[in-house]
Amino acid sequence: MTKIKLISAAVISAAAIMVSQAALAYEAGDTFVRIGVAQTNTGSGNGHVGDSSLNVQSARGVTFGAGYLFTDNVGIELNSSEKFEHDMNTHPGGGIGSVDRMPINLLVNYYPMGGMDSRVQPYVGAGLNYTRFSGEPEGLSVDKSYGIIGQAGVDLAVTQNIMLNGYVSYADVSADIDSGGATIGKVDIDPVTIGGGVTYRF
């Protein structure tokens, strides 16, 4: 009788562990929201204004997004951020002010470990980027940009619903700079963004 009780307890314990682990797997129908902070790096040589080269400085801001899994391995994500404020300077010429950049990204993500019992859930994604510029220096305006974006990231489960998130993304951002109705230059940022935060899964 004692052996039977011990075996039963072991089976129940193992089943409980399996159920707990299964709840950590990404599965079809999961919905999630994310919030975090990101550093967006613009590199150098970001276009030109007239005959002067343009440099757009890196910036940091709050990011947020939401997603849904159609299958265990494939889902969609829509994310954005507060406006990133980038200082700008020309060479020769020096500082010319700043511009605000707000990206909106729509991506299809692939989760290679979707459906598997793992606290670590990596993913890769690709999609479309829309960027709106505002707050330009007086006399200048920057057009909207449409391009591609790719990302790679990972979610690390803390509980069944809360995960720590980290990612890196690359976007193709290029737009004309106008003044007085004429195009006088181009901004070509192509930012590499590194971010981290929290994912909450429903």
N, C-alpha and C. Protein backbone atom coordinates (compact mmCIF):
# COMPACT_ATOMS: atom_id res chain seq x y z
N MET A 1 0.84 -1.21 0.00
CA MET A 1 0.00 0.00 0.00
C MET A 1 0.87 1.26 0.00
N THR A 2 1.95 1.22 0.81
CA THR A 2 2.85 2.38 0.88
C THR A 2 3.49 2.65 -0.47
N LYS A 3 3.92 1.55 -1.17
CA LYS A 3 4.53 1.71 -2.49
C LYS A 3 3.54 2.32 -3.47
N ILE A 4 2.29 1.88 -3.39
CA ILE A 4 1.26 2.40 -4.29
C ILE A 4 1.05 3.89 -4.05
N LYS A 5 1.04 4.27 -2.75
CA LYS A 5 0.88 5.68 -2.43
C LYS A 5 2.04 6.50 -2.96
N LEU A 6 3.27 5.96 -2.82
CA LEU A 6 4.45 6.67 -3.29
C LEU A 6 4.43 6.83 -4.80
N ILE A 7 4.04 5.75 -5.49
CA ILE A 7 3.95 5.80 -6.95
C ILE A 7 2.89 6.80 -7.40
N SER A 8 1.74 6.78 -6.71
CA SER A 8 0.65 7.70 -7.04
C SER A 8 1.09 9.14 -6.83
N ALA A 9 1.79 9.39 -5.72
CA ALA A 9 2.27 10.74 -5.44
C ALA A 9 3.27 11.19 -6.50
N ALA A 10 4.14 10.27 -6.94
CA ALA A 10 5.12 10.60 -7.96
C ALA A 10 4.45 10.92 -9.28
N VAL A 11 3.43 10.14 -9.63
CA VAL A 11 2.69 10.37 -10.88
C VAL A 11 1.98 11.72 -10.85
N ILE A 12 1.33 12.01 -9.73
CA ILE A 12 0.62 13.29 -9.58
C ILE A 12 1.59 14.44 -9.66
N SER A 13 2.74 14.29 -9.00
CA SER A 13 3.76 15.35 -9.01
C SER A 13 4.27 15.58 -10.42
N ALA A 14 4.55 14.50 -11.14
CA ALA A 14 5.04 14.62 -12.52
C ALA A 14 4.00 15.27 -13.42
N ALA A 15 2.73 14.89 -13.22
CA ALA A 15 1.66 15.47 -14.03
C ALA A 15 1.53 16.96 -13.75
N ALA A 16 1.67 17.34 -12.47
CA ALA A 16 1.57 18.75 -12.11
C ALA A 16 2.68 19.55 -12.75
N ILE A 17 3.90 18.97 -12.79
CA ILE A 17 5.03 19.65 -13.42
C ILE A 17 4.78 19.82 -14.91
N MET A 18 4.27 18.76 -15.55
CA MET A 18 4.00 18.83 -16.99
C MET A 18 2.95 19.87 -17.30
N VAL A 19 1.90 19.94 -16.49
CA VAL A 19 0.86 20.95 -16.70
C VAL A 19 1.43 22.34 -16.52
N SER A 20 2.27 22.53 -15.49
CA SER A 20 2.88 23.82 -15.23
C SER A 20 3.77 24.24 -16.38
N GLN A 21 4.58 23.29 -16.90
CA GLN A 21 5.47 23.60 -18.01
C GLN A 21 4.69 23.89 -19.28
N ALA A 22 3.63 23.12 -19.51
CA ALA A 22 2.85 23.31 -20.73
C ALA A 22 2.27 24.71 -20.78
N ALA A 23 1.95 25.26 -19.63
CA ALA A 23 1.39 26.62 -19.59
C ALA A 23 2.42 27.67 -19.99
N LEU A 24 3.73 27.29 -20.00
CA LEU A 24 4.78 28.22 -20.38
C LEU A 24 5.02 28.22 -21.89
N ALA A 25 4.41 27.32 -22.62
CA ALA A 25 4.61 27.24 -24.06
C ALA A 25 3.75 28.27 -24.77
N TYR A 26 4.31 28.82 -25.85
CA TYR A 26 3.49 29.65 -26.73
C TYR A 26 2.55 28.74 -27.52
N GLU A 27 1.28 29.13 -27.59
CA GLU A 27 0.29 28.30 -28.26
C GLU A 27 -0.63 29.15 -29.11
N ALA A 28 -1.24 28.52 -30.11
CA ALA A 28 -2.21 29.20 -30.96
C ALA A 28 -3.31 29.83 -30.10
N GLY A 29 -3.66 31.08 -30.42
CA GLY A 29 -4.69 31.78 -29.67
C GLY A 29 -4.16 32.68 -28.58
N ASP A 30 -2.85 32.58 -28.26
CA ASP A 30 -2.26 33.46 -27.24
C ASP A 30 -2.26 34.91 -27.73
N THR A 31 -2.57 35.81 -26.82
CA THR A 31 -2.48 37.25 -27.06
C THR A 31 -1.52 37.85 -26.04
N PHE A 32 -0.72 38.82 -26.47
CA PHE A 32 0.22 39.42 -25.53
C PHE A 32 0.33 40.93 -25.76
N VAL A 33 0.75 41.62 -24.72
CA VAL A 33 1.09 43.04 -24.81
C VAL A 33 2.49 43.21 -24.25
N ARG A 34 3.20 44.23 -24.75
CA ARG A 34 4.57 44.47 -24.31
C ARG A 34 4.77 45.95 -24.02
N ILE A 35 5.66 46.24 -23.08
CA ILE A 35 6.09 47.61 -22.83
C ILE A 35 7.56 47.55 -22.39
N GLY A 36 8.32 48.55 -22.80
CA GLY A 36 9.73 48.53 -22.45
C GLY A 36 10.41 49.84 -22.84
N VAL A 37 11.73 49.79 -22.84
CA VAL A 37 12.57 50.93 -23.21
C VAL A 37 13.54 50.48 -24.28
N ALA A 38 13.81 51.34 -25.27
CA ALA A 38 14.71 50.97 -26.35
C ALA A 38 15.68 52.09 -26.66
N GLN A 39 16.87 51.70 -27.08
CA GLN A 39 17.88 52.61 -27.58
C GLN A 39 17.94 52.41 -29.10
N THR A 40 17.72 53.48 -29.85
CA THR A 40 17.77 53.37 -31.30
C THR A 40 19.03 54.07 -31.81
N ASN A 41 19.87 53.29 -32.48
CA ASN A 41 21.17 53.77 -32.94
C ASN A 41 21.12 54.05 -34.44
N THR A 42 21.52 55.25 -34.81
CA THR A 42 21.38 55.69 -36.20
C THR A 42 22.69 55.67 -36.97
N GLY A 43 23.80 55.38 -36.31
CA GLY A 43 25.08 55.37 -37.01
C GLY A 43 25.47 56.77 -37.45
N SER A 44 26.11 56.89 -38.61
CA SER A 44 26.52 58.19 -39.13
C SER A 44 26.26 58.23 -40.63
N GLY A 45 26.41 59.41 -41.22
CA GLY A 45 26.15 59.54 -42.64
C GLY A 45 24.69 59.29 -42.97
N ASN A 46 23.80 60.11 -42.35
CA ASN A 46 22.36 59.86 -42.44
C ASN A 46 21.66 60.70 -43.51
N GLY A 47 22.33 60.95 -44.61
CA GLY A 47 21.72 61.70 -45.69
C GLY A 47 22.41 63.02 -45.92
N HIS A 48 21.66 63.99 -46.44
CA HIS A 48 22.25 65.30 -46.74
C HIS A 48 21.19 66.38 -46.74
N VAL A 49 21.63 67.60 -46.50
CA VAL A 49 20.80 68.80 -46.65
C VAL A 49 21.59 69.75 -47.55
N GLY A 50 21.08 69.96 -48.76
CA GLY A 50 21.83 70.74 -49.74
C GLY A 50 23.15 70.04 -50.04
N ASP A 51 24.24 70.79 -49.93
CA ASP A 51 25.58 70.22 -50.17
C ASP A 51 26.25 69.72 -48.89
N SER A 52 25.54 69.77 -47.76
CA SER A 52 26.11 69.36 -46.49
C SER A 52 25.64 67.95 -46.11
N SER A 53 26.55 67.15 -45.55
CA SER A 53 26.16 65.83 -45.07
C SER A 53 25.37 65.96 -43.77
N LEU A 54 24.47 65.04 -43.53
CA LEU A 54 23.58 65.10 -42.37
C LEU A 54 23.87 63.95 -41.43
N ASN A 55 23.95 64.26 -40.14
CA ASN A 55 24.05 63.24 -39.10
C ASN A 55 22.86 63.36 -38.16
N VAL A 56 22.18 62.25 -37.93
CA VAL A 56 21.04 62.18 -37.01
C VAL A 56 21.49 61.38 -35.79
N GLN A 57 21.42 61.99 -34.63
CA GLN A 57 21.95 61.35 -33.42
C GLN A 57 21.00 60.27 -32.88
N SER A 58 21.56 59.34 -32.16
CA SER A 58 20.78 58.26 -31.56
C SER A 58 19.85 58.80 -30.47
N ALA A 59 18.84 58.01 -30.11
CA ALA A 59 17.86 58.45 -29.11
C ALA A 59 17.31 57.25 -28.36
N ARG A 60 16.64 57.53 -27.26
CA ARG A 60 16.06 56.49 -26.40
C ARG A 60 14.62 56.85 -26.08
N GLY A 61 13.76 55.81 -25.93
CA GLY A 61 12.36 56.09 -25.60
C GLY A 61 11.61 54.85 -25.16
N VAL A 62 10.36 55.06 -24.77
CA VAL A 62 9.47 53.98 -24.32
C VAL A 62 8.81 53.33 -25.53
N THR A 63 8.78 52.00 -25.54
CA THR A 63 8.15 51.25 -26.62
C THR A 63 6.99 50.42 -26.09
N PHE A 64 6.07 50.06 -26.98
CA PHE A 64 4.92 49.26 -26.58
C PHE A 64 4.37 48.54 -27.79
N GLY A 65 3.63 47.46 -27.55
CA GLY A 65 3.08 46.69 -28.66
C GLY A 65 2.12 45.62 -28.19
N ALA A 66 1.55 44.92 -29.17
CA ALA A 66 0.61 43.83 -28.89
C ALA A 66 0.71 42.82 -30.01
N GLY A 67 0.37 41.57 -29.69
CA GLY A 67 0.46 40.53 -30.70
C GLY A 67 -0.51 39.40 -30.47
N TYR A 68 -0.61 38.53 -31.48
CA TYR A 68 -1.52 37.39 -31.45
C TYR A 68 -0.89 36.24 -32.22
N LEU A 69 -1.01 35.01 -31.70
CA LEU A 69 -0.49 33.83 -32.37
C LEU A 69 -1.61 33.09 -33.10
N PHE A 70 -1.45 32.96 -34.43
CA PHE A 70 -2.43 32.22 -35.23
C PHE A 70 -2.23 30.72 -35.08
N THR A 71 -0.96 30.31 -34.96
CA THR A 71 -0.61 28.91 -34.70
C THR A 71 0.40 28.90 -33.55
N ASP A 72 0.88 27.72 -33.18
CA ASP A 72 1.89 27.65 -32.13
C ASP A 72 3.17 28.37 -32.54
N ASN A 73 3.43 28.46 -33.84
CA ASN A 73 4.71 28.98 -34.32
C ASN A 73 4.64 30.32 -35.04
N VAL A 74 3.47 30.74 -35.46
CA VAL A 74 3.36 31.94 -36.28
C VAL A 74 2.36 32.91 -35.68
N GLY A 75 2.78 34.19 -35.58
CA GLY A 75 1.89 35.21 -35.04
C GLY A 75 2.14 36.56 -35.69
N ILE A 76 1.35 37.54 -35.28
CA ILE A 76 1.46 38.89 -35.80
C ILE A 76 1.70 39.84 -34.64
N GLU A 77 2.44 40.92 -34.89
CA GLU A 77 2.74 41.89 -33.84
C GLU A 77 2.64 43.30 -34.41
N LEU A 78 2.01 44.18 -33.67
CA LEU A 78 1.94 45.60 -33.99
C LEU A 78 2.60 46.36 -32.86
N ASN A 79 3.64 47.13 -33.17
CA ASN A 79 4.32 47.86 -32.11
C ASN A 79 4.68 49.28 -32.53
N SER A 80 4.94 50.11 -31.54
CA SER A 80 5.27 51.51 -31.78
C SER A 80 6.06 52.02 -30.59
N SER A 81 6.14 53.33 -30.46
CA SER A 81 6.88 53.93 -29.36
C SER A 81 6.42 55.36 -29.17
N GLU A 82 6.87 55.95 -28.07
CA GLU A 82 6.74 57.39 -27.97
C GLU A 82 7.65 58.00 -29.03
N LYS A 83 7.55 59.30 -29.26
CA LYS A 83 8.39 59.95 -30.26
C LYS A 83 9.85 59.95 -29.81
N PHE A 84 10.71 59.43 -30.68
CA PHE A 84 12.15 59.53 -30.44
C PHE A 84 12.61 60.91 -30.91
N GLU A 85 13.24 61.68 -30.03
CA GLU A 85 13.73 63.00 -30.40
C GLU A 85 15.21 62.90 -30.78
N HIS A 86 15.51 63.15 -32.05
CA HIS A 86 16.87 63.04 -32.57
C HIS A 86 17.46 64.42 -32.83
N ASP A 87 18.60 64.72 -32.21
CA ASP A 87 19.35 65.92 -32.57
C ASP A 87 19.98 65.72 -33.94
N MET A 88 20.09 66.81 -34.71
CA MET A 88 20.66 66.73 -36.05
C MET A 88 21.76 67.76 -36.22
N ASN A 89 22.78 67.39 -36.98
CA ASN A 89 23.81 68.35 -37.34
C ASN A 89 24.30 68.08 -38.75
N THR A 90 24.85 69.11 -39.38
CA THR A 90 25.38 68.97 -40.72
C THR A 90 26.88 69.24 -40.71
N HIS A 91 27.54 68.71 -41.73
CA HIS A 91 28.97 68.96 -41.90
C HIS A 91 29.24 69.35 -43.35
N PRO A 92 29.72 70.57 -43.57
CA PRO A 92 29.94 71.61 -42.54
C PRO A 92 28.63 72.27 -42.14
N GLY A 93 28.65 72.98 -41.04
CA GLY A 93 27.46 73.71 -40.62
C GLY A 93 27.16 73.59 -39.15
N GLY A 94 27.29 72.39 -38.55
CA GLY A 94 27.00 72.22 -37.13
C GLY A 94 25.55 71.88 -36.87
N GLY A 95 25.10 72.10 -35.63
CA GLY A 95 23.75 71.72 -35.21
C GLY A 95 22.67 72.52 -35.92
N ILE A 96 21.59 71.83 -36.31
CA ILE A 96 20.48 72.51 -36.98
C ILE A 96 19.16 72.27 -36.24
N GLY A 97 19.23 71.67 -35.06
CA GLY A 97 18.01 71.43 -34.29
C GLY A 97 17.74 69.94 -34.13
N SER A 98 16.48 69.60 -33.94
CA SER A 98 16.10 68.20 -33.72
C SER A 98 14.85 67.86 -34.51
N VAL A 99 14.56 66.56 -34.60
CA VAL A 99 13.35 66.09 -35.26
C VAL A 99 12.81 64.92 -34.45
N ASP A 100 11.48 64.82 -34.37
CA ASP A 100 10.82 63.71 -33.68
C ASP A 100 10.47 62.62 -34.69
N ARG A 101 10.74 61.40 -34.31
CA ARG A 101 10.45 60.25 -35.18
C ARG A 101 9.58 59.25 -34.44
N MET A 102 8.42 58.90 -35.02
CA MET A 102 7.52 57.92 -34.41
C MET A 102 7.32 56.76 -35.37
N PRO A 103 7.86 55.58 -35.05
CA PRO A 103 7.69 54.41 -35.92
C PRO A 103 6.45 53.60 -35.54
N ILE A 104 5.83 53.02 -36.55
CA ILE A 104 4.76 52.04 -36.35
C ILE A 104 5.13 50.82 -37.19
N ASN A 105 5.22 49.65 -36.55
CA ASN A 105 5.69 48.44 -37.21
C ASN A 105 4.64 47.34 -37.16
N LEU A 106 4.43 46.68 -38.29
CA LEU A 106 3.55 45.52 -38.37
C LEU A 106 4.39 44.34 -38.85
N LEU A 107 4.53 43.32 -38.00
CA LEU A 107 5.42 42.20 -38.29
C LEU A 107 4.73 40.86 -38.17
N VAL A 108 5.22 39.91 -38.94
CA VAL A 108 4.86 38.51 -38.77
C VAL A 108 6.03 37.84 -38.06
N ASN A 109 5.75 37.21 -36.92
CA ASN A 109 6.80 36.57 -36.11
C ASN A 109 6.75 35.05 -36.23
N TYR A 110 7.94 34.45 -36.18
CA TYR A 110 8.05 32.99 -36.15
C TYR A 110 8.69 32.58 -34.84
N TYR A 111 8.03 31.65 -34.13
CA TYR A 111 8.49 31.16 -32.84
C TYR A 111 8.94 29.71 -33.00
N PRO A 112 10.26 29.44 -33.13
CA PRO A 112 10.71 28.08 -33.40
C PRO A 112 10.38 27.09 -32.30
N MET A 113 10.19 27.58 -31.06
CA MET A 113 9.88 26.67 -29.95
C MET A 113 8.41 26.78 -29.53
N GLY A 114 7.60 27.37 -30.39
CA GLY A 114 6.18 27.47 -30.09
C GLY A 114 5.56 26.09 -29.88
N GLY A 115 4.75 25.96 -28.83
CA GLY A 115 4.13 24.68 -28.52
C GLY A 115 4.99 23.77 -27.67
N MET A 116 6.26 24.15 -27.46
CA MET A 116 7.17 23.33 -26.66
C MET A 116 7.25 23.87 -25.24
N ASP A 117 7.48 22.98 -24.30
CA ASP A 117 7.55 23.35 -22.88
C ASP A 117 8.91 23.98 -22.57
N SER A 118 8.96 25.30 -22.62
CA SER A 118 10.23 25.98 -22.39
C SER A 118 9.97 27.37 -21.82
N ARG A 119 10.78 27.75 -20.84
CA ARG A 119 10.68 29.11 -20.31
C ARG A 119 11.30 30.13 -21.26
N VAL A 120 12.15 29.66 -22.16
CA VAL A 120 12.80 30.54 -23.13
C VAL A 120 12.11 30.40 -24.47
N GLN A 121 11.56 31.50 -24.99
CA GLN A 121 10.83 31.48 -26.25
C GLN A 121 11.44 32.52 -27.21
N PRO A 122 12.40 32.11 -28.05
CA PRO A 122 12.97 33.04 -29.03
C PRO A 122 12.01 33.25 -30.20
N TYR A 123 12.23 34.30 -30.95
CA TYR A 123 11.42 34.57 -32.14
C TYR A 123 12.18 35.45 -33.12
N VAL A 124 11.79 35.37 -34.38
CA VAL A 124 12.28 36.27 -35.41
C VAL A 124 11.06 36.79 -36.17
N GLY A 125 11.19 37.99 -36.73
CA GLY A 125 10.05 38.57 -37.42
C GLY A 125 10.47 39.51 -38.53
N ALA A 126 9.56 39.74 -39.46
CA ALA A 126 9.79 40.67 -40.55
C ALA A 126 8.47 41.30 -40.94
N GLY A 127 8.54 42.52 -41.45
CA GLY A 127 7.30 43.19 -41.84
C GLY A 127 7.53 44.58 -42.40
N LEU A 128 6.55 45.45 -42.14
CA LEU A 128 6.54 46.79 -42.71
C LEU A 128 6.69 47.85 -41.61
N ASN A 129 7.44 48.90 -41.95
CA ASN A 129 7.64 50.03 -41.04
C ASN A 129 7.06 51.29 -41.67
N TYR A 130 6.30 52.02 -40.87
CA TYR A 130 5.82 53.36 -41.24
C TYR A 130 6.41 54.33 -40.22
N THR A 131 7.05 55.39 -40.70
CA THR A 131 7.67 56.37 -39.81
C THR A 131 7.14 57.76 -40.12
N ARG A 132 6.69 58.42 -39.08
CA ARG A 132 6.19 59.79 -39.20
C ARG A 132 7.15 60.73 -38.47
N PHE A 133 7.55 61.80 -39.15
CA PHE A 133 8.43 62.80 -38.57
C PHE A 133 7.63 64.05 -38.21
N SER A 134 8.04 64.70 -37.13
CA SER A 134 7.40 65.95 -36.71
C SER A 134 8.41 66.77 -35.92
N GLY A 135 8.03 67.99 -35.57
CA GLY A 135 8.90 68.84 -34.77
C GLY A 135 10.19 69.23 -35.47
N GLU A 136 10.15 69.33 -36.81
CA GLU A 136 11.35 69.68 -37.56
C GLU A 136 11.79 71.12 -37.28
N PRO A 137 13.07 71.44 -37.55
CA PRO A 137 13.53 72.83 -37.43
C PRO A 137 12.69 73.74 -38.34
N GLU A 138 12.53 74.98 -37.93
CA GLU A 138 11.71 75.93 -38.69
C GLU A 138 12.19 76.02 -40.13
N GLY A 139 11.23 75.95 -41.04
CA GLY A 139 11.55 76.05 -42.46
C GLY A 139 11.79 74.72 -43.14
N LEU A 140 11.86 73.64 -42.35
CA LEU A 140 12.09 72.32 -42.92
C LEU A 140 10.93 71.39 -42.60
N SER A 141 10.68 70.44 -43.48
CA SER A 141 9.72 69.37 -43.19
C SER A 141 10.27 68.07 -43.75
N VAL A 142 10.00 66.98 -43.05
CA VAL A 142 10.48 65.66 -43.46
C VAL A 142 9.27 64.80 -43.81
N ASP A 143 9.31 64.21 -45.00
CA ASP A 143 8.19 63.39 -45.46
C ASP A 143 8.06 62.11 -44.63
N LYS A 144 6.96 61.42 -44.81
CA LYS A 144 6.75 60.11 -44.18
C LYS A 144 7.63 59.08 -44.87
N SER A 145 7.90 57.99 -44.16
CA SER A 145 8.74 56.93 -44.71
C SER A 145 8.01 55.60 -44.60
N TYR A 146 8.14 54.79 -45.65
CA TYR A 146 7.63 53.42 -45.66
C TYR A 146 8.78 52.50 -46.03
N GLY A 147 8.97 51.43 -45.27
CA GLY A 147 10.07 50.52 -45.55
C GLY A 147 9.87 49.18 -44.88
N ILE A 148 10.91 48.38 -44.91
CA ILE A 148 10.85 47.05 -44.29
C ILE A 148 11.51 47.09 -42.92
N ILE A 149 11.18 46.11 -42.09
CA ILE A 149 11.79 45.97 -40.78
C ILE A 149 11.97 44.49 -40.47
N GLY A 150 13.05 44.16 -39.79
CA GLY A 150 13.27 42.81 -39.31
C GLY A 150 13.64 42.85 -37.84
N GLN A 151 13.33 41.80 -37.11
CA GLN A 151 13.66 41.76 -35.69
C GLN A 151 13.97 40.35 -35.23
N ALA A 152 14.70 40.26 -34.12
CA ALA A 152 14.95 39.00 -33.43
C ALA A 152 14.85 39.27 -31.94
N GLY A 153 14.22 38.36 -31.22
CA GLY A 153 14.04 38.61 -29.79
C GLY A 153 13.84 37.33 -29.02
N VAL A 154 13.64 37.50 -27.72
CA VAL A 154 13.41 36.34 -26.85
C VAL A 154 12.54 36.77 -25.67
N ASP A 155 11.63 35.90 -25.28
CA ASP A 155 10.84 36.07 -24.07
C ASP A 155 11.28 35.03 -23.05
N LEU A 156 11.54 35.46 -21.82
CA LEU A 156 11.94 34.57 -20.74
C LEU A 156 10.84 34.56 -19.69
N ALA A 157 10.18 33.43 -19.53
CA ALA A 157 9.03 33.33 -18.63
C ALA A 157 9.44 33.46 -17.17
N VAL A 158 8.77 34.35 -16.46
CA VAL A 158 8.93 34.49 -15.01
C VAL A 158 7.78 33.76 -14.31
N THR A 159 6.58 33.95 -14.85
CA THR A 159 5.39 33.20 -14.41
C THR A 159 4.69 32.72 -15.67
N GLN A 160 3.52 32.13 -15.51
CA GLN A 160 2.77 31.65 -16.67
C GLN A 160 2.34 32.81 -17.57
N ASN A 161 2.21 34.01 -17.03
CA ASN A 161 1.72 35.13 -17.81
C ASN A 161 2.73 36.25 -18.03
N ILE A 162 3.73 36.35 -17.17
CA ILE A 162 4.68 37.46 -17.23
C ILE A 162 6.03 36.97 -17.74
N MET A 163 6.57 37.69 -18.73
CA MET A 163 7.85 37.34 -19.32
C MET A 163 8.73 38.57 -19.43
N LEU A 164 10.03 38.36 -19.32
CA LEU A 164 10.99 39.40 -19.61
C LEU A 164 11.33 39.32 -21.10
N ASN A 165 11.40 40.47 -21.76
CA ASN A 165 11.59 40.51 -23.20
C ASN A 165 12.83 41.30 -23.58
N GLY A 166 13.54 40.82 -24.58
CA GLY A 166 14.66 41.55 -25.15
C GLY A 166 14.66 41.35 -26.66
N TYR A 167 15.06 42.37 -27.41
CA TYR A 167 15.03 42.24 -28.87
C TYR A 167 15.99 43.22 -29.53
N VAL A 168 16.27 42.98 -30.80
CA VAL A 168 17.00 43.91 -31.64
C VAL A 168 16.28 43.96 -32.98
N SER A 169 16.19 45.16 -33.57
CA SER A 169 15.51 45.30 -34.85
C SER A 169 16.27 46.23 -35.77
N TYR A 170 16.03 46.08 -37.07
CA TYR A 170 16.62 46.94 -38.09
C TYR A 170 15.50 47.39 -39.01
N ALA A 171 15.43 48.70 -39.28
CA ALA A 171 14.38 49.23 -40.15
C ALA A 171 14.99 50.08 -41.27
N ASP A 172 14.35 50.05 -42.41
CA ASP A 172 14.75 50.87 -43.56
C ASP A 172 13.93 52.16 -43.52
N VAL A 173 14.55 53.27 -43.11
CA VAL A 173 13.85 54.54 -42.96
C VAL A 173 14.54 55.59 -43.83
N SER A 174 13.83 56.06 -44.84
CA SER A 174 14.39 57.04 -45.77
C SER A 174 13.29 57.99 -46.21
N ALA A 175 13.55 59.30 -46.15
CA ALA A 175 12.51 60.28 -46.50
C ALA A 175 13.15 61.56 -47.02
N ASP A 176 12.41 62.27 -47.88
CA ASP A 176 12.88 63.54 -48.41
C ASP A 176 12.74 64.65 -47.37
N ILE A 177 13.65 65.61 -47.45
CA ILE A 177 13.59 66.83 -46.63
C ILE A 177 13.18 67.97 -47.55
N ASP A 178 12.11 68.68 -47.19
CA ASP A 178 11.57 69.76 -48.03
C ASP A 178 11.70 71.11 -47.36
N SER A 179 11.77 72.14 -48.18
CA SER A 179 11.76 73.52 -47.71
C SER A 179 11.15 74.40 -48.79
N GLY A 180 10.11 75.13 -48.43
CA GLY A 180 9.47 76.01 -49.41
C GLY A 180 8.86 75.26 -50.57
N GLY A 181 8.43 74.03 -50.35
CA GLY A 181 7.80 73.24 -51.40
C GLY A 181 8.77 72.50 -52.29
N ALA A 182 10.07 72.65 -52.06
CA ALA A 182 11.08 71.98 -52.87
C ALA A 182 11.88 70.98 -52.02
N THR A 183 12.30 69.90 -52.64
CA THR A 183 13.13 68.92 -51.95
C THR A 183 14.58 69.40 -51.93
N ILE A 184 15.14 69.52 -50.72
CA ILE A 184 16.50 70.05 -50.60
C ILE A 184 17.46 69.02 -50.00
N GLY A 185 16.96 67.83 -49.68
CA GLY A 185 17.83 66.83 -49.08
C GLY A 185 17.10 65.54 -48.80
N LYS A 186 17.78 64.65 -48.09
CA LYS A 186 17.20 63.35 -47.76
C LYS A 186 17.74 62.91 -46.41
N VAL A 187 16.86 62.33 -45.59
CA VAL A 187 17.27 61.71 -44.35
C VAL A 187 17.22 60.20 -44.55
N ASP A 188 18.32 59.53 -44.21
CA ASP A 188 18.45 58.09 -44.42
C ASP A 188 18.99 57.49 -43.12
N ILE A 189 18.07 57.06 -42.23
CA ILE A 189 18.46 56.69 -40.87
C ILE A 189 18.84 55.22 -40.75
N ASP A 190 17.96 54.31 -41.21
CA ASP A 190 18.17 52.87 -41.05
C ASP A 190 18.55 52.51 -39.61
N PRO A 191 17.69 52.81 -38.64
CA PRO A 191 18.05 52.61 -37.23
C PRO A 191 18.14 51.14 -36.82
N VAL A 192 19.12 50.86 -35.98
CA VAL A 192 19.22 49.58 -35.28
C VAL A 192 18.75 49.84 -33.85
N THR A 193 17.70 49.17 -33.44
CA THR A 193 17.09 49.41 -32.13
C THR A 193 17.28 48.21 -31.23
N ILE A 194 17.76 48.46 -30.02
CA ILE A 194 17.94 47.41 -29.02
C ILE A 194 17.04 47.74 -27.83
N GLY A 195 16.16 46.83 -27.46
CA GLY A 195 15.21 47.14 -26.40
C GLY A 195 14.99 46.00 -25.44
N GLY A 196 14.37 46.31 -24.33
CA GLY A 196 14.02 45.32 -23.33
C GLY A 196 12.82 45.77 -22.53
N GLY A 197 12.10 44.83 -21.96
CA GLY A 197 10.92 45.20 -21.18
C GLY A 197 10.20 43.97 -20.66
N VAL A 198 8.88 44.10 -20.57
CA VAL A 198 8.03 43.06 -19.99
C VAL A 198 6.94 42.69 -20.98
N THR A 199 6.69 41.41 -21.11
CA THR A 199 5.58 40.88 -21.92
C THR A 199 4.54 40.28 -20.98
N TYR A 200 3.27 40.63 -21.20
CA TYR A 200 2.19 40.01 -20.44
C TYR A 200 1.33 39.22 -21.41
N ARG A 201 1.18 37.92 -21.15
CA ARG A 201 0.44 37.03 -22.03
C ARG A 201 -0.93 36.69 -21.46
N PHE A 202 -1.95 36.74 -22.30
CA PHE A 202 -3.31 36.40 -21.88
C PHE A 202 -3.60 34.95 -22.19
